[in-house]
Amino acid sequence: MGLSNVQYDEIMRMYERRRDDNRHRLEKRRIHVYENISSFKELDSDIASLSVIQAKKYLSGDENAITLSKTLLTEKIKAKEELLLNAGFTLDYLNPNYECPDCEDTGYTGQQKCHCLRQAIIDLLYDQSGIKEMLKKENFSQLDFSYHQGEDLTRFKNSVEICQTFCENFDYRNFFFYGTVGTGKSFLSGCVAKALIDKGLSVIYYTATEFFATISRFTFDYNTKDELYTLREDLANCDLLIIDDLGTELANNFTIPQLFTYINTRHLNQKATIISTNLSLEEFKMLYSDRIFSRIYSKYEFLYFSGPDIRIMKKRKAKMEGK
């Protein structure tokens, strides 16, 4: 499942488009400043000329040119800042607005792939393009506690607080979300995914059906052995692996050992995992064996979700509001 040259080029074109868009936006802001502050453009020209003049002096043997240049530049930059503030602009108004400040939308920090590039590759390789749209709706800023009541609400708030703490102080922890359908398990998984991706961590998200289908496809296709190796490496070593709706797939002699392998490998690698299921603990134990249940029970934090089906309640609410 390695990245092809065509795929890599497409990702790099995406970064190029980001930089172009940023330059265009910055130029519009600069023109806006020039139109509102008559002397600002002159200061910009002075700074450019000063840099060239002092550089020539330094190259001609004037060792004091650099020190003098820094002093003069500092004075002119301070003058520009005062002009901006007096005209009602912020000091960073003419700074580039990068989507990823760490790499300045290049994809690389030094010789290393930036976290945003690693996540872009993950999204492409594992068909996660849909996760970005999902996370616009499923993130901590969109939390709505109004659908839970009583003990259900208490449990949900407790789960949210635990997950927020996990995201703020990310370390090796595993979570097992279980409970009835539509009570917020997948939503909270999405909240965690969004928070960690925003922090620059790599996240692979799969529904259980997609997870096992992908592993199966690359396992039994002789022509994809190299891709299978890459897939296994990524599933074993990404910062967070989310397997959503476990129990909806067809559990059999292939899927069950695969599940144990990745649970065990990620534990040995000290990599965090979230598993969610609509199954009860007894149903889960019967379906996946005592061995898997024991490993999860000993290595995962169990968070129980209860209450009515929020998806149904939202649909009813939307229908009543005429949406």
C-alpha atoms as a PDB file:
ATOM      1  CA  MET A   1       0.000   0.000   0.000  1.00  0.00           C
ATOM      2  CA  GLY A   2       2.891   2.297  -0.773  1.00  0.00           C
ATOM      3  CA  LEU A   3       2.298   5.723  -2.224  1.00  0.00           C
ATOM      4  CA  SER A   4       2.644   5.834  -6.011  1.00  0.00           C
ATOM      5  CA  ASN A   5       4.464   8.671  -7.776  1.00  0.00           C
ATOM      6  CA  VAL A   6       1.153   9.911  -9.149  1.00  0.00           C
ATOM      7  CA  GLN A   7      -0.378  10.002  -5.664  1.00  0.00           C
ATOM      8  CA  TYR A   8       2.676  11.733  -4.187  1.00  0.00           C
ATOM      9  CA  ASP A   9       2.640  14.334  -6.960  1.00  0.00           C
ATOM     10  CA  GLU A  10      -1.044  15.029  -6.328  1.00  0.00           C
ATOM     11  CA  ILE A  11      -0.390  15.625  -2.636  1.00  0.00           C
ATOM     12  CA  MET A  12       2.524  17.942  -3.463  1.00  0.00           C
ATOM     13  CA  ARG A  13       0.275  19.857  -5.877  1.00  0.00           C
ATOM     14  CA  MET A  14      -2.175  20.272  -3.012  1.00  0.00           C
ATOM     15  CA  TYR A  15       0.586  21.894  -0.938  1.00  0.00           C
ATOM     16  CA  GLU A  16       1.533  24.088  -3.884  1.00  0.00           C
ATOM     17  CA  ARG A  17      -2.075  25.245  -4.222  1.00  0.00           C
ATOM     18  CA  ARG A  18      -2.140  26.060  -0.516  1.00  0.00           C
ATOM     19  CA  ARG A  19       0.988  28.199  -0.840  1.00  0.00           C
ATOM     20  CA  ASP A  20      -0.352  29.945  -3.957  1.00  0.00           C
ATOM     21  CA  ASP A  21      -3.654  30.698  -2.243  1.00  0.00           C
ATOM     22  CA  ASN A  22      -1.800  32.006   0.787  1.00  0.00           C
ATOM     23  CA  ARG A  23       0.372  34.286  -1.348  1.00  0.00           C
ATOM     24  CA  HIS A  24      -2.694  35.654  -3.139  1.00  0.00           C
ATOM     25  CA  ARG A  25      -4.489  36.350   0.138  1.00  0.00           C
ATOM     26  CA  LEU A  26      -1.378  37.979   1.584  1.00  0.00           C
ATOM     27  CA  GLU A  27      -0.979  40.194  -1.474  1.00  0.00           C
ATOM     28  CA  LYS A  28      -4.610  41.337  -1.195  1.00  0.00           C
ATOM     29  CA  ARG A  29      -4.022  42.245   2.449  1.00  0.00           C
ATOM     30  CA  ARG A  30      -0.838  44.106   1.519  1.00  0.00           C
ATOM     31  CA  ILE A  31      -2.657  46.137  -1.150  1.00  0.00           C
ATOM     32  CA  HIS A  32      -5.381  46.900   1.376  1.00  0.00           C
ATOM     33  CA  VAL A  33      -2.753  48.252   3.789  1.00  0.00           C
ATOM     34  CA  TYR A  34      -1.109  50.350   1.056  1.00  0.00           C
ATOM     35  CA  GLU A  35      -4.495  51.858   0.201  1.00  0.00           C
ATOM     36  CA  ASN A  36      -5.156  52.786   3.830  1.00  0.00           C
ATOM     37  CA  ILE A  37      -1.641  53.795   4.980  1.00  0.00           C
ATOM     38  CA  SER A  38       0.035  56.057   2.449  1.00  0.00           C
ATOM     39  CA  SER A  39       3.559  55.810   3.909  1.00  0.00           C
ATOM     40  CA  PHE A  40       3.561  52.027   4.405  1.00  0.00           C
ATOM     41  CA  LYS A  41       4.598  51.141   0.858  1.00  0.00           C
ATOM     42  CA  GLU A  42       7.469  53.616   1.069  1.00  0.00           C
ATOM     43  CA  LEU A  43       8.721  51.904   4.238  1.00  0.00           C
ATOM     44  CA  ASP A  44       8.570  48.530   2.506  1.00  0.00           C
ATOM     45  CA  SER A  45      10.663  49.913  -0.357  1.00  0.00           C
ATOM     46  CA  ASP A  46      13.138  51.457   2.078  1.00  0.00           C
ATOM     47  CA  ILE A  47      13.620  48.143   3.850  1.00  0.00           C
ATOM     48  CA  ALA A  48      14.213  46.305   0.573  1.00  0.00           C
ATOM     49  CA  SER A  49      16.726  48.929  -0.604  1.00  0.00           C
ATOM     50  CA  LEU A  50      18.462  49.032   2.754  1.00  0.00           C
ATOM     51  CA  SER A  51      18.968  45.270   2.761  1.00  0.00           C
ATOM     52  CA  VAL A  52      20.576  45.370  -0.689  1.00  0.00           C
ATOM     53  CA  ILE A  53      22.814  48.355   0.129  1.00  0.00           C
ATOM     54  CA  GLN A  54      24.092  46.931   3.407  1.00  0.00           C
ATOM     55  CA  ALA A  55      24.670  43.512   1.834  1.00  0.00           C
ATOM     56  CA  LYS A  56      26.832  45.107  -0.863  1.00  0.00           C
ATOM     57  CA  LYS A  57      28.794  46.998   1.789  1.00  0.00           C
ATOM     58  CA  TYR A  58      29.412  43.781   3.736  1.00  0.00           C
ATOM     59  CA  LEU A  59      30.589  41.987   0.595  1.00  0.00           C
ATOM     60  CA  SER A  60      32.932  44.929  -0.065  1.00  0.00           C
ATOM     61  CA  GLY A  61      34.607  44.398   3.306  1.00  0.00           C
ATOM     62  CA  ASP A  62      32.612  46.627   5.648  1.00  0.00           C
ATOM     63  CA  GLU A  63      32.273  44.348   8.687  1.00  0.00           C
ATOM     64  CA  ASN A  64      30.022  46.835  10.484  1.00  0.00           C
ATOM     65  CA  ALA A  65      27.430  46.699   7.700  1.00  0.00           C
ATOM     66  CA  ILE A  66      25.511  43.761   9.172  1.00  0.00           C
ATOM     67  CA  THR A  67      25.252  45.303  12.651  1.00  0.00           C
ATOM     68  CA  LEU A  68      24.156  48.648  11.226  1.00  0.00           C
ATOM     69  CA  SER A  69      21.703  46.926   8.918  1.00  0.00           C
ATOM     70  CA  LYS A  70      20.051  45.132  11.850  1.00  0.00           C
ATOM     71  CA  THR A  71      19.720  48.397  13.775  1.00  0.00           C
ATOM     72  CA  LEU A  72      18.200  50.299  10.835  1.00  0.00           C
ATOM     73  CA  LEU A  73      15.900  47.433   9.918  1.00  0.00           C
ATOM     74  CA  THR A  74      14.666  47.151  13.498  1.00  0.00           C
ATOM     75  CA  GLU A  75      13.794  50.838  13.501  1.00  0.00           C
ATOM     76  CA  LYS A  76      11.878  50.642  10.218  1.00  0.00           C
ATOM     77  CA  ILE A  77      10.066  47.471  11.223  1.00  0.00           C
ATOM     78  CA  LYS A  78       9.004  49.145  14.470  1.00  0.00           C
ATOM     79  CA  ALA A  79       7.753  52.121  12.453  1.00  0.00           C
ATOM     80  CA  LYS A  80       5.696  49.760  10.274  1.00  0.00           C
ATOM     81  CA  GLU A  81       4.187  48.098  13.338  1.00  0.00           C
ATOM     82  CA  GLU A  82       3.180  51.479  14.766  1.00  0.00           C
ATOM     83  CA  LEU A  83       1.533  52.433  11.467  1.00  0.00           C
ATOM     84  CA  LEU A  84      -0.420  49.164  11.405  1.00  0.00           C
ATOM     85  CA  LEU A  85      -1.665  49.529  14.973  1.00  0.00           C
ATOM     86  CA  ASN A  86      -2.589  53.195  14.545  1.00  0.00           C
ATOM     87  CA  ALA A  87      -4.625  52.304  11.454  1.00  0.00           C
ATOM     88  CA  GLY A  88      -6.518  49.580  13.333  1.00  0.00           C
ATOM     89  CA  PHE A  89      -4.715  46.530  11.925  1.00  0.00           C
ATOM     90  CA  THR A  90      -3.241  43.712  13.997  1.00  0.00           C
ATOM     91  CA  LEU A  91       0.528  43.209  14.074  1.00  0.00           C
ATOM     92  CA  ASP A  92       0.194  39.858  12.293  1.00  0.00           C
ATOM     93  CA  TYR A  93      -2.099  41.185   9.561  1.00  0.00           C
ATOM     94  CA  LEU A  94       0.658  40.869   6.946  1.00  0.00           C
ATOM     95  CA  ASN A  95       1.936  37.512   8.161  1.00  0.00           C
ATOM     96  CA  PRO A  96       1.240  34.385   6.077  1.00  0.00           C
ATOM     97  CA  ASN A  97      -1.659  32.266   7.360  1.00  0.00           C
ATOM     98  CA  TYR A  98      -0.424  28.714   6.921  1.00  0.00           C
ATOM     99  CA  GLU A  99      -2.745  25.733   7.249  1.00  0.00           C
ATOM    100  CA  CYS A 100       0.210  24.019   8.891  1.00  0.00           C
ATOM    101  CA  PRO A 101       2.573  26.512  10.573  1.00  0.00           C
ATOM    102  CA  ASP A 102       5.018  23.716  11.422  1.00  0.00           C
ATOM    103  CA  CYS A 103       6.064  23.141   7.802  1.00  0.00           C
ATOM    104  CA  GLU A 104       4.641  26.381   6.344  1.00  0.00           C
ATOM    105  CA  ASP A 105       2.586  24.280   3.921  1.00  0.00           C
ATOM    106  CA  THR A 106       5.583  22.582   2.323  1.00  0.00           C
ATOM    107  CA  GLY A 107       4.948  19.109   3.751  1.00  0.00           C
ATOM    108  CA  TYR A 108       8.434  18.896   5.231  1.00  0.00           C
ATOM    109  CA  THR A 109      10.278  20.115   8.318  1.00  0.00           C
ATOM    110  CA  GLY A 110      13.908  19.921   7.308  1.00  0.00           C
ATOM    111  CA  GLN A 111      14.369  16.533   5.649  1.00  0.00           C
ATOM    112  CA  GLN A 112      11.508  14.907   7.554  1.00  0.00           C
ATOM    113  CA  LYS A 113       7.898  14.523   6.491  1.00  0.00           C
ATOM    114  CA  CYS A 114       5.715  16.888   8.487  1.00  0.00           C
ATOM    115  CA  HIS A 115       2.878  15.434  10.539  1.00  0.00           C
ATOM    116  CA  CYS A 116       0.376  17.020   8.114  1.00  0.00           C
ATOM    117  CA  LEU A 117       1.988  15.209   5.169  1.00  0.00           C
ATOM    118  CA  ARG A 118       1.996  11.915   7.070  1.00  0.00           C
ATOM    119  CA  GLN A 119      -1.710  12.350   7.780  1.00  0.00           C
ATOM    120  CA  ALA A 120      -2.414  13.317   4.151  1.00  0.00           C
ATOM    121  CA  ILE A 121      -0.719  10.097   3.031  1.00  0.00           C
ATOM    122  CA  ILE A 122      -2.731   8.085   5.559  1.00  0.00           C
ATOM    123  CA  ASP A 123      -5.963   9.705   4.379  1.00  0.00           C
ATOM    124  CA  LEU A 124      -5.155   8.843   0.773  1.00  0.00           C
ATOM    125  CA  LEU A 125      -3.884   5.316   1.287  1.00  0.00           C
ATOM    126  CA  TYR A 126      -6.639   4.216   3.603  1.00  0.00           C
ATOM    127  CA  ASP A 127      -9.558   5.895   1.841  1.00  0.00           C
ATOM    128  CA  GLN A 128     -10.010   8.307   4.723  1.00  0.00           C
ATOM    129  CA  SER A 129     -10.959  11.308   2.610  1.00  0.00           C
ATOM    130  CA  GLY A 130     -14.442  11.058   4.088  1.00  0.00           C
ATOM    131  CA  ILE A 131     -13.106  11.375   7.610  1.00  0.00           C
ATOM    132  CA  LYS A 132     -12.260  15.057   7.073  1.00  0.00           C
ATOM    133  CA  GLU A 133     -15.885  15.861   6.247  1.00  0.00           C
ATOM    134  CA  MET A 134     -17.057  13.735   9.148  1.00  0.00           C
ATOM    135  CA  LEU A 135     -14.755  15.534  11.584  1.00  0.00           C
ATOM    136  CA  LYS A 136     -16.190  18.918  10.648  1.00  0.00           C
ATOM    137  CA  LYS A 137     -19.337  17.727  12.434  1.00  0.00           C
ATOM    138  CA  GLU A 138     -17.837  15.288  14.912  1.00  0.00           C
ATOM    139  CA  ASN A 139     -15.477  17.260  17.142  1.00  0.00           C
ATOM    140  CA  PHE A 140     -15.481  18.542  20.693  1.00  0.00           C
ATOM    141  CA  SER A 141     -16.756  21.981  19.634  1.00  0.00           C
ATOM    142  CA  GLN A 142     -19.947  20.350  18.342  1.00  0.00           C
ATOM    143  CA  LEU A 143     -20.779  18.419  21.516  1.00  0.00           C
ATOM    144  CA  ASP A 144     -24.465  18.525  22.470  1.00  0.00           C
ATOM    145  CA  PHE A 145     -25.459  17.093  25.839  1.00  0.00           C
ATOM    146  CA  SER A 146     -29.166  17.799  25.399  1.00  0.00           C
ATOM    147  CA  TYR A 147     -29.919  14.309  24.081  1.00  0.00           C
ATOM    148  CA  HIS A 148     -28.795  12.623  27.312  1.00  0.00           C
ATOM    149  CA  GLN A 149     -30.641  12.649  30.621  1.00  0.00           C
ATOM    150  CA  GLY A 150     -30.001  11.417  34.165  1.00  0.00           C
ATOM    151  CA  GLU A 151     -27.433   8.644  34.520  1.00  0.00           C
ATOM    152  CA  ASP A 152     -26.974   8.517  30.743  1.00  0.00           C
ATOM    153  CA  LEU A 153     -25.895  12.151  30.811  1.00  0.00           C
ATOM    154  CA  THR A 154     -23.544  11.574  33.744  1.00  0.00           C
ATOM    155  CA  ARG A 155     -21.877   8.659  31.951  1.00  0.00           C
ATOM    156  CA  PHE A 156     -21.538  10.596  28.708  1.00  0.00           C
ATOM    157  CA  LYS A 157     -20.062  13.679  30.377  1.00  0.00           C
ATOM    158  CA  ASN A 158     -17.596  11.472  32.244  1.00  0.00           C
ATOM    159  CA  SER A 159     -16.538   9.788  28.977  1.00  0.00           C
ATOM    160  CA  VAL A 160     -16.108  13.166  27.283  1.00  0.00           C
ATOM    161  CA  GLU A 161     -13.939  14.473  30.124  1.00  0.00           C
ATOM    162  CA  ILE A 162     -11.758  11.363  30.043  1.00  0.00           C
ATOM    163  CA  CYS A 163     -11.282  11.659  26.274  1.00  0.00           C
ATOM    164  CA  GLN A 164     -10.526  15.380  26.433  1.00  0.00           C
ATOM    165  CA  THR A 165      -7.859  14.734  29.058  1.00  0.00           C
ATOM    166  CA  PHE A 166      -6.447  11.951  26.877  1.00  0.00           C
ATOM    167  CA  CYS A 167      -6.185  14.360  23.926  1.00  0.00           C
ATOM    168  CA  GLU A 168      -4.647  17.149  25.985  1.00  0.00           C
ATOM    169  CA  ASN A 169      -2.017  14.876  27.557  1.00  0.00           C
ATOM    170  CA  PHE A 170      -1.642  12.314  24.812  1.00  0.00           C
ATOM    171  CA  ASP A 171       0.084   9.148  25.882  1.00  0.00           C
ATOM    172  CA  TYR A 172      -0.398   5.405  25.609  1.00  0.00           C
ATOM    173  CA  ARG A 173      -3.989   4.652  26.623  1.00  0.00           C
ATOM    174  CA  ASN A 174      -6.606   2.374  25.072  1.00  0.00           C
ATOM    175  CA  PHE A 175     -10.367   2.766  25.201  1.00  0.00           C
ATOM    176  CA  PHE A 176     -13.212   0.345  24.696  1.00  0.00           C
ATOM    177  CA  PHE A 177     -16.487   2.174  23.988  1.00  0.00           C
ATOM    178  CA  TYR A 178     -19.524  -0.079  24.386  1.00  0.00           C
ATOM    179  CA  GLY A 179     -23.260   0.352  24.771  1.00  0.00           C
ATOM    180  CA  THR A 180     -26.477   0.620  22.828  1.00  0.00           C
ATOM    181  CA  VAL A 181     -26.843   1.945  19.275  1.00  0.00           C
ATOM    182  CA  GLY A 182     -26.678   5.688  18.645  1.00  0.00           C
ATOM    183  CA  THR A 183     -25.508   6.814  22.086  1.00  0.00           C
ATOM    184  CA  GLY A 184     -22.405   8.753  21.002  1.00  0.00           C
ATOM    185  CA  LYS A 185     -19.622   6.182  20.691  1.00  0.00           C
ATOM    186  CA  SER A 186     -18.726   6.921  17.077  1.00  0.00           C
ATOM    187  CA  PHE A 187     -19.188  10.651  17.643  1.00  0.00           C
ATOM    188  CA  LEU A 188     -16.753  10.684  20.558  1.00  0.00           C
ATOM    189  CA  SER A 189     -14.273   8.616  18.534  1.00  0.00           C
ATOM    190  CA  GLY A 190     -14.459  11.310  15.870  1.00  0.00           C
ATOM    191  CA  CYS A 191     -13.887  14.026  18.482  1.00  0.00           C
ATOM    192  CA  VAL A 192     -10.715  12.304  19.632  1.00  0.00           C
ATOM    193  CA  ALA A 193      -9.528  11.770  16.046  1.00  0.00           C
ATOM    194  CA  LYS A 194     -10.024  15.456  15.180  1.00  0.00           C
ATOM    195  CA  ALA A 195      -8.263  16.693  18.324  1.00  0.00           C
ATOM    196  CA  LEU A 196      -5.227  14.471  17.783  1.00  0.00           C
ATOM    197  CA  ILE A 197      -4.940  15.186  14.057  1.00  0.00           C
ATOM    198  CA  ASP A 198      -4.994  18.896  14.929  1.00  0.00           C
ATOM    199  CA  LYS A 199      -2.109  18.234  17.335  1.00  0.00           C
ATOM    200  CA  GLY A 200      -0.081  16.676  14.526  1.00  0.00           C
ATOM    201  CA  LEU A 201      -0.567  13.025  15.453  1.00  0.00           C
ATOM    202  CA  SER A 202      -1.291  10.278  12.924  1.00  0.00           C
ATOM    203  CA  VAL A 203      -4.742   8.704  13.107  1.00  0.00           C
ATOM    204  CA  ILE A 204      -6.135   5.795  11.101  1.00  0.00           C
ATOM    205  CA  TYR A 205      -9.895   5.389  11.291  1.00  0.00           C
ATOM    206  CA  TYR A 206     -11.789   2.328  10.069  1.00  0.00           C
ATOM    207  CA  THR A 207     -15.202   0.867  10.557  1.00  0.00           C
ATOM    208  CA  ALA A 208     -14.761  -2.779  11.530  1.00  0.00           C
ATOM    209  CA  THR A 209     -16.105  -3.937   8.160  1.00  0.00           C
ATOM    210  CA  GLU A 210     -13.609  -1.745   6.277  1.00  0.00           C
ATOM    211  CA  PHE A 211     -10.775  -2.744   8.583  1.00  0.00           C
ATOM    212  CA  PHE A 212     -11.047  -6.471   7.984  1.00  0.00           C
ATOM    213  CA  ALA A 213     -11.956  -6.092   4.303  1.00  0.00           C
ATOM    214  CA  THR A 214      -8.770  -4.090   3.704  1.00  0.00           C
ATOM    215  CA  ILE A 215      -6.569  -6.570   5.542  1.00  0.00           C
ATOM    216  CA  SER A 216      -8.223  -9.457   3.714  1.00  0.00           C
ATOM    217  CA  ARG A 217      -7.838  -7.840   0.291  1.00  0.00           C
ATOM    218  CA  PHE A 218      -4.095  -7.358   0.687  1.00  0.00           C
ATOM    219  CA  THR A 219      -3.506 -10.662   2.464  1.00  0.00           C
ATOM    220  CA  PHE A 220      -4.969 -12.872  -0.228  1.00  0.00           C
ATOM    221  CA  ASP A 221      -3.763 -10.963  -3.283  1.00  0.00           C
ATOM    222  CA  TYR A 222      -0.312 -12.290  -4.200  1.00  0.00           C
ATOM    223  CA  ASN A 223       0.486  -9.115  -6.135  1.00  0.00           C
ATOM    224  CA  THR A 224       0.118  -6.882  -3.088  1.00  0.00           C
ATOM    225  CA  LYS A 225       2.583  -8.429  -0.644  1.00  0.00           C
ATOM    226  CA  ASP A 226       4.637  -5.231  -0.399  1.00  0.00           C
ATOM    227  CA  GLU A 227       1.486  -3.204   0.167  1.00  0.00           C
ATOM    228  CA  LEU A 228       0.434  -5.639   2.897  1.00  0.00           C
ATOM    229  CA  TYR A 229       3.734  -5.054   4.689  1.00  0.00           C
ATOM    230  CA  THR A 230       3.216  -1.277   4.573  1.00  0.00           C
ATOM    231  CA  LEU A 231      -0.372  -1.656   5.750  1.00  0.00           C
ATOM    232  CA  ARG A 232       0.693  -3.768   8.705  1.00  0.00           C
ATOM    233  CA  GLU A 233       3.412  -1.300   9.635  1.00  0.00           C
ATOM    234  CA  ASP A 234       1.004   1.628   9.549  1.00  0.00           C
ATOM    235  CA  LEU A 235      -1.723  -0.160  11.485  1.00  0.00           C
ATOM    236  CA  ALA A 236       0.808  -1.229  14.078  1.00  0.00           C
ATOM    237  CA  ASN A 237       2.549   2.132  14.481  1.00  0.00           C
ATOM    238  CA  CYS A 238       0.178   5.040  13.803  1.00  0.00           C
ATOM    239  CA  ASP A 239      -0.349   7.171  16.908  1.00  0.00           C
ATOM    240  CA  LEU A 240      -4.019   6.224  17.177  1.00  0.00           C
ATOM    241  CA  LEU A 241      -5.991   3.434  15.522  1.00  0.00           C
ATOM    242  CA  ILE A 242      -9.792   3.624  15.705  1.00  0.00           C
ATOM    243  CA  ILE A 243     -11.871   0.542  14.908  1.00  0.00           C
ATOM    244  CA  ASP A 244     -15.496   1.628  14.936  1.00  0.00           C
ATOM    245  CA  ASP A 245     -18.590  -0.587  15.210  1.00  0.00           C
ATOM    246  CA  LEU A 246     -16.757  -3.817  15.964  1.00  0.00           C
ATOM    247  CA  GLY A 247     -19.266  -6.632  15.680  1.00  0.00           C
ATOM    248  CA  THR A 248     -20.876  -5.422  12.461  1.00  0.00           C
ATOM    249  CA  GLU A 249     -18.362  -7.389  10.382  1.00  0.00           C
ATOM    250  CA  LEU A 250     -18.534 -11.106   9.741  1.00  0.00           C
ATOM    251  CA  ALA A 251     -16.475 -12.613  12.568  1.00  0.00           C
ATOM    252  CA  ASN A 252     -14.689 -15.763  11.394  1.00  0.00           C
ATOM    253  CA  ASN A 253     -11.432 -17.718  11.576  1.00  0.00           C
ATOM    254  CA  PHE A 254      -9.635 -14.960   9.672  1.00  0.00           C
ATOM    255  CA  THR A 255     -10.920 -11.811  11.330  1.00  0.00           C
ATOM    256  CA  ILE A 256     -10.681 -12.938  14.949  1.00  0.00           C
ATOM    257  CA  PRO A 257      -6.940 -13.824  14.858  1.00  0.00           C
ATOM    258  CA  GLN A 258      -6.284 -10.580  12.940  1.00  0.00           C
ATOM    259  CA  LEU A 259      -8.026  -8.592  15.653  1.00  0.00           C
ATOM    260  CA  PHE A 260      -5.906 -10.227  18.348  1.00  0.00           C
ATOM    261  CA  THR A 261      -2.711  -9.640  16.343  1.00  0.00           C
ATOM    262  CA  TYR A 262      -3.263  -5.892  16.042  1.00  0.00           C
ATOM    263  CA  ILE A 263      -4.481  -5.461  19.607  1.00  0.00           C
ATOM    264  CA  ASN A 264      -1.407  -7.271  20.858  1.00  0.00           C
ATOM    265  CA  THR A 265       1.061  -5.607  18.487  1.00  0.00           C
ATOM    266  CA  ARG A 266      -0.155  -2.105  19.276  1.00  0.00           C
ATOM    267  CA  HIS A 267       0.080  -2.849  22.987  1.00  0.00           C
ATOM    268  CA  LEU A 268       3.678  -4.028  22.570  1.00  0.00           C
ATOM    269  CA  ASN A 269       4.428  -0.893  20.536  1.00  0.00           C
ATOM    270  CA  GLN A 270       2.718   1.285  23.173  1.00  0.00           C
ATOM    271  CA  LYS A 271       0.357   2.767  20.562  1.00  0.00           C
ATOM    272  CA  ALA A 272      -3.129   3.956  21.492  1.00  0.00           C
ATOM    273  CA  THR A 273      -6.273   2.256  20.195  1.00  0.00           C
ATOM    274  CA  ILE A 274      -9.991   2.972  20.433  1.00  0.00           C
ATOM    275  CA  ILE A 275     -12.504   0.197  19.791  1.00  0.00           C
ATOM    276  CA  SER A 276     -16.240   0.809  19.791  1.00  0.00           C
ATOM    277  CA  THR A 277     -19.039  -1.733  19.669  1.00  0.00           C
ATOM    278  CA  ASN A 278     -22.794  -2.005  20.095  1.00  0.00           C
ATOM    279  CA  LEU A 279     -22.360  -5.461  21.593  1.00  0.00           C
ATOM    280  CA  SER A 280     -22.778  -6.128  25.285  1.00  0.00           C
ATOM    281  CA  LEU A 281     -19.690  -7.390  27.096  1.00  0.00           C
ATOM    282  CA  GLU A 282     -21.142 -10.892  27.234  1.00  0.00           C
ATOM    283  CA  GLU A 283     -21.937 -10.846  23.517  1.00  0.00           C
ATOM    284  CA  PHE A 284     -18.460  -9.557  22.735  1.00  0.00           C
ATOM    285  CA  LYS A 285     -16.820 -12.265  24.829  1.00  0.00           C
ATOM    286  CA  MET A 286     -18.845 -15.012  23.154  1.00  0.00           C
ATOM    287  CA  LEU A 287     -18.135 -13.708  19.648  1.00  0.00           C
ATOM    288  CA  TYR A 288     -14.408 -12.959  19.947  1.00  0.00           C
ATOM    289  CA  SER A 289     -13.187 -15.538  22.466  1.00  0.00           C
ATOM    290  CA  ASP A 290     -11.959 -15.352  26.046  1.00  0.00           C
ATOM    291  CA  ARG A 291      -8.424 -14.681  24.826  1.00  0.00           C
ATOM    292  CA  ILE A 292      -9.285 -11.429  23.056  1.00  0.00           C
ATOM    293  CA  PHE A 293     -11.702 -10.323  25.761  1.00  0.00           C
ATOM    294  CA  SER A 294      -9.067 -10.930  28.435  1.00  0.00           C
ATOM    295  CA  ARG A 295      -6.464  -8.903  26.540  1.00  0.00           C
ATOM    296  CA  ILE A 296      -8.858  -5.989  26.034  1.00  0.00           C
ATOM    297  CA  TYR A 297     -10.132  -6.179  29.604  1.00  0.00           C
ATOM    298  CA  SER A 298      -6.600  -5.930  30.994  1.00  0.00           C
ATOM    299  CA  LYS A 299      -5.254  -3.250  28.630  1.00  0.00           C
ATOM    300  CA  TYR A 300      -8.242  -1.014  27.831  1.00  0.00           C
ATOM    301  CA  GLU A 301     -10.333   1.499  29.750  1.00  0.00           C
ATOM    302  CA  PHE A 302     -14.020   0.617  29.426  1.00  0.00           C
ATOM    303  CA  LEU A 303     -16.485   3.467  28.832  1.00  0.00           C
ATOM    304  CA  TYR A 304     -20.171   2.592  28.833  1.00  0.00           C
ATOM    305  CA  PHE A 305     -22.659   4.585  26.730  1.00  0.00           C
ATOM    306  CA  SER A 306     -26.399   4.410  27.338  1.00  0.00           C
ATOM    307  CA  GLY A 307     -29.600   6.192  26.445  1.00  0.00           C
ATOM    308  CA  PRO A 308     -31.898   6.621  23.446  1.00  0.00           C
ATOM    309  CA  ASP A 309     -30.697   6.535  19.838  1.00  0.00           C
ATOM    310  CA  ILE A 310     -29.452  10.089  19.232  1.00  0.00           C
ATOM    311  CA  ARG A 311     -29.520   9.663  15.458  1.00  0.00           C
ATOM    312  CA  ILE A 312     -33.257   8.918  15.547  1.00  0.00           C
ATOM    313  CA  MET A 313     -33.871  11.820  17.916  1.00  0.00           C
ATOM    314  CA  LYS A 314     -31.995  14.206  15.611  1.00  0.00           C
ATOM    315  CA  LYS A 315     -34.003  13.055  12.606  1.00  0.00           C
ATOM    316  CA  ARG A 316     -37.251  13.583  14.480  1.00  0.00           C
ATOM    317  CA  LYS A 317     -36.119  17.020  15.601  1.00  0.00           C
ATOM    318  CA  ALA A 318     -35.115  17.994  12.068  1.00  0.00           C
ATOM    319  CA  LYS A 319     -38.441  16.755  10.707  1.00  0.00           C
ATOM    320  CA  MET A 320     -40.355  18.766  13.285  1.00  0.00           C
ATOM    321  CA  GLU A 321     -38.330  21.860  12.378  1.00  0.00           C
ATOM    322  CA  GLY A 322     -39.026  21.282   8.711  1.00  0.00           C
ATOM    323  CA  LYS A 323     -35.377  20.695   7.755  1.00  0.00           C
END
